Structures are given as structure tokens and as C-alpha cells.
Amino acid sequence: MKNALLLILSILLFSASGQVKSIVYKGATIHTATGEVIENGYIEIQNGKISAIAKNINLEDKQVVDVSG
């Protein structure tokens, strides 16, 4: 629960700042709307919106935040 709150807060802070175009959160356990669980997954945020949820994402030219706890 603590990691989820940190993730939400950091998304809001980074998207509000307008300084970073793309952020990737890596190492997350992701529970999708379809019920799939992705262990050590990646969530990419571009311009304040989720642009990708995957098992692997290209990290080139992106700010990376490790949320693996």
C-alpha cells in the first residue's frame, strides 16, 4: 500500500512539474483491469498519462524510478 501511494504521489508531482516528458516506473507488481498480474513490470507515463504497461520497456531517454521496494 505504501508503494502504491508513493507511485501515485510521484506521478502527480512529475506530471504537474511539466519538466519531464516520459517517466518509467520499474519493478512494480501491476494488477490490470483485466485481472492479469505483471510481476516486476513497467509503467510508462508520458505527458501526465499512462502510455504503456508492460513486462519490458525501452528505457532510453527516459527518467526511471525503481519501485521494486
N, C-alpha and C. Protein backbone atom coordinates (compact mmCIF):
# COMPACT_ATOMS: atom_id res chain seq x y z
N MET A 1 0.82 -1.19 0.00
CA MET A 1 0.00 0.00 0.00
C MET A 1 0.86 1.25 0.00
N LYS A 2 1.94 1.23 0.78
CA LYS A 2 2.85 2.38 0.85
C LYS A 2 3.46 2.66 -0.54
N ASN A 3 3.87 1.58 -1.24
CA ASN A 3 4.44 1.77 -2.58
C ASN A 3 3.42 2.35 -3.55
N ALA A 4 2.17 1.91 -3.43
CA ALA A 4 1.12 2.44 -4.31
C ALA A 4 0.92 3.93 -4.08
N LEU A 5 0.92 4.35 -2.82
CA LEU A 5 0.76 5.77 -2.52
C LEU A 5 1.95 6.58 -3.04
N LEU A 6 3.16 6.05 -2.87
CA LEU A 6 4.34 6.75 -3.39
C LEU A 6 4.28 6.87 -4.91
N LEU A 7 3.82 5.81 -5.58
CA LEU A 7 3.70 5.84 -7.03
C LEU A 7 2.72 6.91 -7.47
N ILE A 8 1.57 6.95 -6.83
CA ILE A 8 0.55 7.94 -7.19
C ILE A 8 1.05 9.36 -6.95
N LEU A 9 1.67 9.58 -5.80
CA LEU A 9 2.20 10.92 -5.50
C LEU A 9 3.27 11.35 -6.48
N SER A 10 4.17 10.43 -6.84
CA SER A 10 5.23 10.81 -7.76
C SER A 10 4.69 11.07 -9.16
N ILE A 11 3.67 10.32 -9.57
CA ILE A 11 3.04 10.59 -10.87
C ILE A 11 2.46 11.99 -10.88
N LEU A 12 1.76 12.34 -9.82
CA LEU A 12 1.16 13.67 -9.75
C LEU A 12 2.21 14.77 -9.73
N LEU A 13 3.27 14.58 -8.95
CA LEU A 13 4.31 15.60 -8.86
C LEU A 13 5.04 15.78 -10.18
N PHE A 14 5.44 14.67 -10.82
CA PHE A 14 6.17 14.78 -12.08
C PHE A 14 5.29 15.33 -13.20
N SER A 15 4.03 14.93 -13.24
CA SER A 15 3.17 15.41 -14.31
C SER A 15 2.84 16.89 -14.10
N ALA A 16 2.76 17.33 -12.85
CA ALA A 16 2.45 18.73 -12.57
C ALA A 16 3.65 19.63 -12.87
N SER A 17 4.85 19.10 -12.74
CA SER A 17 6.03 19.94 -12.94
C SER A 17 6.23 20.32 -14.40
N GLY A 18 5.82 19.46 -15.32
CA GLY A 18 5.96 19.75 -16.74
C GLY A 18 7.39 19.66 -17.24
N GLN A 19 8.33 19.26 -16.40
CA GLN A 19 9.72 19.22 -16.80
C GLN A 19 10.12 17.91 -17.46
N VAL A 20 9.46 16.84 -17.11
CA VAL A 20 9.84 15.52 -17.62
C VAL A 20 8.75 15.03 -18.56
N LYS A 21 9.13 14.64 -19.77
CA LYS A 21 8.16 14.17 -20.74
C LYS A 21 7.79 12.71 -20.55
N SER A 22 8.76 11.87 -20.13
CA SER A 22 8.49 10.44 -20.01
C SER A 22 9.18 9.87 -18.78
N ILE A 23 8.37 9.19 -17.95
CA ILE A 23 8.88 8.56 -16.74
C ILE A 23 8.51 7.09 -16.80
N VAL A 24 9.44 6.23 -16.39
CA VAL A 24 9.15 4.80 -16.33
C VAL A 24 9.34 4.33 -14.90
N TYR A 25 8.31 3.70 -14.36
CA TYR A 25 8.38 3.07 -13.04
C TYR A 25 8.67 1.60 -13.28
N LYS A 26 9.79 1.10 -12.74
CA LYS A 26 10.18 -0.28 -13.00
C LYS A 26 10.16 -1.10 -11.71
N GLY A 27 9.89 -2.39 -11.87
CA GLY A 27 9.90 -3.30 -10.74
C GLY A 27 8.58 -3.39 -10.01
N ALA A 28 7.53 -2.87 -10.59
CA ALA A 28 6.23 -2.85 -9.94
C ALA A 28 5.49 -4.18 -10.11
N THR A 29 4.66 -4.50 -9.13
CA THR A 29 3.68 -5.57 -9.30
C THR A 29 2.40 -4.88 -9.75
N ILE A 30 1.97 -5.17 -10.96
CA ILE A 30 0.86 -4.45 -11.58
C ILE A 30 -0.35 -5.38 -11.68
N HIS A 31 -1.48 -4.91 -11.19
CA HIS A 31 -2.75 -5.64 -11.32
C HIS A 31 -3.59 -4.87 -12.33
N THR A 32 -3.79 -5.45 -13.52
CA THR A 32 -4.51 -4.76 -14.58
C THR A 32 -6.02 -4.89 -14.40
N ALA A 33 -6.75 -4.10 -15.15
CA ALA A 33 -8.22 -4.13 -15.10
C ALA A 33 -8.78 -5.47 -15.56
N THR A 34 -8.03 -6.20 -16.38
CA THR A 34 -8.49 -7.50 -16.88
C THR A 34 -8.17 -8.64 -15.92
N GLY A 35 -7.51 -8.32 -14.80
CA GLY A 35 -7.17 -9.33 -13.81
C GLY A 35 -5.78 -9.91 -13.95
N GLU A 36 -5.06 -9.53 -15.00
CA GLU A 36 -3.68 -10.01 -15.19
C GLU A 36 -2.78 -9.38 -14.13
N VAL A 37 -1.83 -10.16 -13.63
CA VAL A 37 -0.84 -9.65 -12.69
C VAL A 37 0.53 -9.70 -13.37
N ILE A 38 1.19 -8.57 -13.46
CA ILE A 38 2.52 -8.47 -14.06
C ILE A 38 3.52 -8.23 -12.95
N GLU A 39 4.38 -9.22 -12.70
CA GLU A 39 5.43 -9.10 -11.69
C GLU A 39 6.62 -8.37 -12.29
N ASN A 40 7.27 -7.51 -11.52
CA ASN A 40 8.44 -6.74 -11.99
C ASN A 40 8.15 -6.03 -13.30
N GLY A 41 6.98 -5.45 -13.39
CA GLY A 41 6.55 -4.79 -14.61
C GLY A 41 7.00 -3.34 -14.69
N TYR A 42 6.63 -2.72 -15.79
CA TYR A 42 6.99 -1.34 -16.08
C TYR A 42 5.72 -0.54 -16.39
N ILE A 43 5.67 0.68 -15.86
CA ILE A 43 4.59 1.61 -16.17
C ILE A 43 5.24 2.86 -16.73
N GLU A 44 4.85 3.23 -17.94
CA GLU A 44 5.41 4.44 -18.56
C GLU A 44 4.36 5.55 -18.54
N ILE A 45 4.80 6.73 -18.11
CA ILE A 45 3.95 7.92 -18.06
C ILE A 45 4.52 8.93 -19.05
N GLN A 46 3.69 9.37 -19.98
CA GLN A 46 4.10 10.43 -20.92
C GLN A 46 3.08 11.55 -20.84
N ASN A 47 3.58 12.75 -20.65
CA ASN A 47 2.73 13.94 -20.57
C ASN A 47 1.62 13.78 -19.54
N GLY A 48 1.94 13.14 -18.40
CA GLY A 48 0.98 13.01 -17.33
C GLY A 48 -0.03 11.89 -17.46
N LYS A 49 0.10 11.05 -18.51
CA LYS A 49 -0.85 9.96 -18.73
C LYS A 49 -0.11 8.64 -18.89
N ILE A 50 -0.74 7.55 -18.45
CA ILE A 50 -0.14 6.23 -18.64
C ILE A 50 -0.12 5.92 -20.13
N SER A 51 1.07 5.64 -20.66
CA SER A 51 1.19 5.35 -22.09
C SER A 51 1.51 3.88 -22.35
N ALA A 52 2.03 3.18 -21.33
CA ALA A 52 2.34 1.77 -21.52
C ALA A 52 2.42 1.06 -20.18
N ILE A 53 1.96 -0.19 -20.18
CA ILE A 53 2.13 -1.10 -19.05
C ILE A 53 2.63 -2.39 -19.67
N ALA A 54 3.82 -2.84 -19.24
CA ALA A 54 4.41 -4.00 -19.91
C ALA A 54 5.41 -4.72 -19.02
N LYS A 55 5.86 -5.87 -19.51
CA LYS A 55 6.90 -6.63 -18.81
C LYS A 55 8.29 -6.07 -19.12
N ASN A 56 8.41 -5.29 -20.19
CA ASN A 56 9.68 -4.69 -20.57
C ASN A 56 9.41 -3.45 -21.43
N ILE A 57 10.15 -2.39 -21.16
CA ILE A 57 10.00 -1.13 -21.90
C ILE A 57 11.39 -0.59 -22.20
N ASN A 58 11.56 0.00 -23.36
CA ASN A 58 12.82 0.66 -23.72
C ASN A 58 13.02 1.84 -22.78
N LEU A 59 14.14 1.85 -22.06
CA LEU A 59 14.41 2.89 -21.07
C LEU A 59 15.24 4.05 -21.59
N GLU A 60 15.61 4.02 -22.86
CA GLU A 60 16.46 5.06 -23.44
C GLU A 60 15.75 6.42 -23.40
N ASP A 61 16.46 7.43 -22.92
CA ASP A 61 15.98 8.82 -22.86
C ASP A 61 14.75 8.99 -21.97
N LYS A 62 14.64 8.16 -20.93
CA LYS A 62 13.51 8.27 -20.02
C LYS A 62 14.02 8.35 -18.59
N GLN A 63 13.30 9.05 -17.75
CA GLN A 63 13.62 9.06 -16.33
C GLN A 63 13.06 7.77 -15.73
N VAL A 64 13.89 7.02 -14.99
CA VAL A 64 13.49 5.74 -14.43
C VAL A 64 13.40 5.84 -12.91
N VAL A 65 12.29 5.35 -12.37
CA VAL A 65 12.08 5.30 -10.92
C VAL A 65 11.90 3.84 -10.55
N ASP A 66 12.76 3.34 -9.67
CA ASP A 66 12.69 1.94 -9.24
C ASP A 66 11.73 1.86 -8.07
N VAL A 67 10.62 1.11 -8.27
CA VAL A 67 9.60 0.96 -7.23
C VAL A 67 9.53 -0.47 -6.71
N SER A 68 10.63 -1.20 -6.88
CA SER A 68 10.61 -2.61 -6.52
C SER A 68 10.59 -2.87 -5.02
N GLY A 69 10.86 -1.85 -4.22
CA GLY A 69 10.76 -1.97 -2.77
C GLY A 69 11.78 -2.85 -2.22
